[in-house]
Amino acid sequence: MDPRQTFGSLGDFLKDARERKGYSLRAVEKATGISNPYLSQLEGQKIKQPSPTLLHKLCELYEVSYTTAMELAGYPIEPASKLDKIQAARRDQLADRIGPVTRAEENALVEYLEFLRSRRKKGGQS
């Protein structure tokens, strides 16, 4: 999938992510230390290739794909290996089955899965 077909530009991707989280530019500035005017220029596509460090901060705050942001910024991205593609397909299948989850729900699911796996190991099953 080409992220440019889905998102158009890095600015669109970041603005959409910020708005989905319900953050104002000022709230993002406060959380990341990235100035409000810089964020506005980034979303307005006046800045097309911010530093990877800055992108990482934003992607972490917005909980979106850093790889997608890097690709939209024009940075070279290593092609996914066959295993990466298989794992991504499995994640997509799971996401389709359970729908969107919050970070807290995701953490609870991981804890429960770890519990199930530990019970299976204690029982001698693999």
Protein backbone atom coordinates (compact mmCIF):
# COMPACT_ATOMS: atom_id res chain seq x y z
CA MET A 1 0.00 0.00 0.00
CA ASP A 2 1.33 3.44 -0.95
CA PRO A 3 0.67 5.85 1.95
CA ARG A 4 0.47 8.77 -0.51
CA GLN A 5 -2.66 7.23 -2.02
CA THR A 6 -4.24 6.93 1.42
CA PHE A 7 -3.05 10.13 3.10
CA GLY A 8 -1.91 12.42 0.29
CA SER A 9 0.90 14.09 2.21
CA LEU A 10 2.77 14.04 5.48
CA GLY A 11 0.93 17.18 6.57
CA ASP A 12 -2.45 15.54 5.94
CA PHE A 13 -1.37 12.40 7.78
CA LEU A 14 -0.20 14.33 10.85
CA LYS A 15 -3.19 16.67 10.93
CA ASP A 16 -5.60 13.74 10.68
CA ALA A 17 -3.77 11.91 13.47
CA ARG A 18 -3.78 14.99 15.71
CA GLU A 19 -7.47 15.65 15.13
CA ARG A 20 -8.42 12.02 15.76
CA LYS A 21 -6.72 12.31 19.16
CA GLY A 22 -8.57 15.57 19.82
CA TYR A 23 -5.37 17.59 20.36
CA SER A 24 -5.00 21.28 19.58
CA LEU A 25 -1.72 22.53 18.14
CA ARG A 26 -1.00 24.16 21.50
CA ALA A 27 -1.57 20.86 23.34
CA VAL A 28 0.87 19.13 20.98
CA GLU A 29 3.39 21.92 21.52
CA LYS A 30 3.10 21.47 25.27
CA ALA A 31 3.46 17.67 25.05
CA THR A 32 6.36 17.57 22.58
CA GLY A 33 8.16 20.91 22.82
CA ILE A 34 7.63 21.42 19.07
CA SER A 35 6.46 24.99 18.47
CA ASN A 36 2.88 25.68 17.45
CA PRO A 37 3.96 27.67 14.32
CA TYR A 38 6.27 24.82 13.22
CA LEU A 39 3.44 22.29 13.67
CA SER A 40 1.13 24.52 11.64
CA GLN A 41 3.68 24.78 8.83
CA LEU A 42 4.18 21.03 8.93
CA GLU A 43 0.45 20.33 8.65
CA GLY A 44 0.13 23.05 6.00
CA GLN A 45 2.81 21.28 3.95
CA LYS A 46 5.23 24.19 4.02
CA ILE A 47 7.70 21.87 5.78
CA LYS A 48 7.91 18.61 3.88
CA GLN A 49 10.84 16.76 5.48
CA PRO A 50 11.13 17.31 9.25
CA SER A 51 13.78 15.48 11.23
CA PRO A 52 13.18 11.82 12.05
CA THR A 53 13.45 12.69 15.76
CA LEU A 54 10.62 15.19 15.48
CA LEU A 55 8.50 12.73 13.50
CA HIS A 56 9.09 10.08 16.12
CA LYS A 57 7.86 12.40 18.89
CA LEU A 58 4.68 13.18 16.96
CA CYS A 59 3.99 9.58 15.97
CA GLU A 60 4.48 8.43 19.54
CA LEU A 61 2.07 11.09 20.85
CA TYR A 62 -0.52 10.38 18.14
CA GLU A 63 0.00 6.59 18.31
CA VAL A 64 0.42 6.29 14.54
CA SER A 65 2.94 4.55 12.29
CA TYR A 66 6.39 6.10 12.36
CA THR A 67 7.28 4.14 9.23
CA THR A 68 4.36 5.68 7.34
CA ALA A 69 5.36 9.17 8.48
CA MET A 70 8.96 8.59 7.41
CA GLU A 71 7.83 7.30 4.03
CA LEU A 72 5.51 10.29 3.51
CA ALA A 73 8.42 12.61 4.43
CA GLY A 74 10.45 11.03 1.64
CA TYR A 75 12.94 9.15 3.78
CA PRO A 76 14.11 5.77 2.43
CA ILE A 77 12.32 2.87 4.06
CA GLU A 78 13.64 -0.69 4.04
CA PRO A 79 11.17 -2.99 2.32
CA ALA A 80 9.34 -5.31 4.67
CA SER A 81 10.59 -8.87 4.80
CA LYS A 82 8.28 -11.75 4.04
CA LEU A 83 8.00 -12.47 7.78
CA ASP A 84 7.10 -8.82 8.49
CA LYS A 85 4.34 -9.03 5.87
CA ILE A 86 2.96 -12.26 7.35
CA GLN A 87 2.98 -10.78 10.87
CA ALA A 88 1.28 -7.60 9.61
CA ALA A 89 -1.41 -9.67 7.89
CA ARG A 90 -2.04 -11.58 11.13
CA ARG A 91 -2.31 -8.30 13.07
CA ASP A 92 -4.75 -6.99 10.48
CA GLN A 93 -6.86 -10.15 10.77
CA LEU A 94 -6.97 -9.81 14.55
CA ALA A 95 -7.84 -6.11 14.31
CA ASP A 96 -10.67 -6.95 11.89
CA ARG A 97 -12.03 -9.49 14.39
CA ILE A 98 -11.90 -7.38 17.55
CA GLY A 99 -12.21 -3.86 16.15
CA PRO A 100 -10.40 -0.78 17.40
CA VAL A 101 -8.93 -0.93 20.91
CA THR A 102 -7.61 1.68 23.28
CA ARG A 103 -4.06 1.53 24.60
CA ALA A 104 -5.42 0.31 27.97
CA GLU A 105 -7.42 -2.45 26.27
CA GLU A 106 -4.38 -3.46 24.23
CA ASN A 107 -2.29 -3.70 27.41
CA ALA A 108 -5.01 -5.79 29.10
CA LEU A 109 -5.17 -8.13 26.09
CA VAL A 110 -1.40 -8.59 26.16
CA GLU A 111 -1.48 -9.35 29.89
CA TYR A 112 -4.25 -11.91 29.39
CA LEU A 113 -2.41 -13.55 26.50
CA GLU A 114 0.73 -13.79 28.63
CA PHE A 115 -1.36 -15.39 31.38
CA LEU A 116 -2.81 -17.95 28.95
CA ARG A 117 0.63 -18.77 27.58
CA SER A 118 2.12 -19.20 31.06
CA ARG A 119 -0.69 -21.63 31.99
CA ARG A 120 -0.07 -23.62 28.82
CA LYS A 121 3.68 -23.87 29.62
CA LYS A 122 2.99 -25.02 33.19
CA GLY A 123 0.66 -27.69 31.89
CA GLY A 124 3.40 -29.08 29.64
CA GLN A 125 1.68 -28.12 26.42
CA SER A 126 3.46 -26.18 23.72
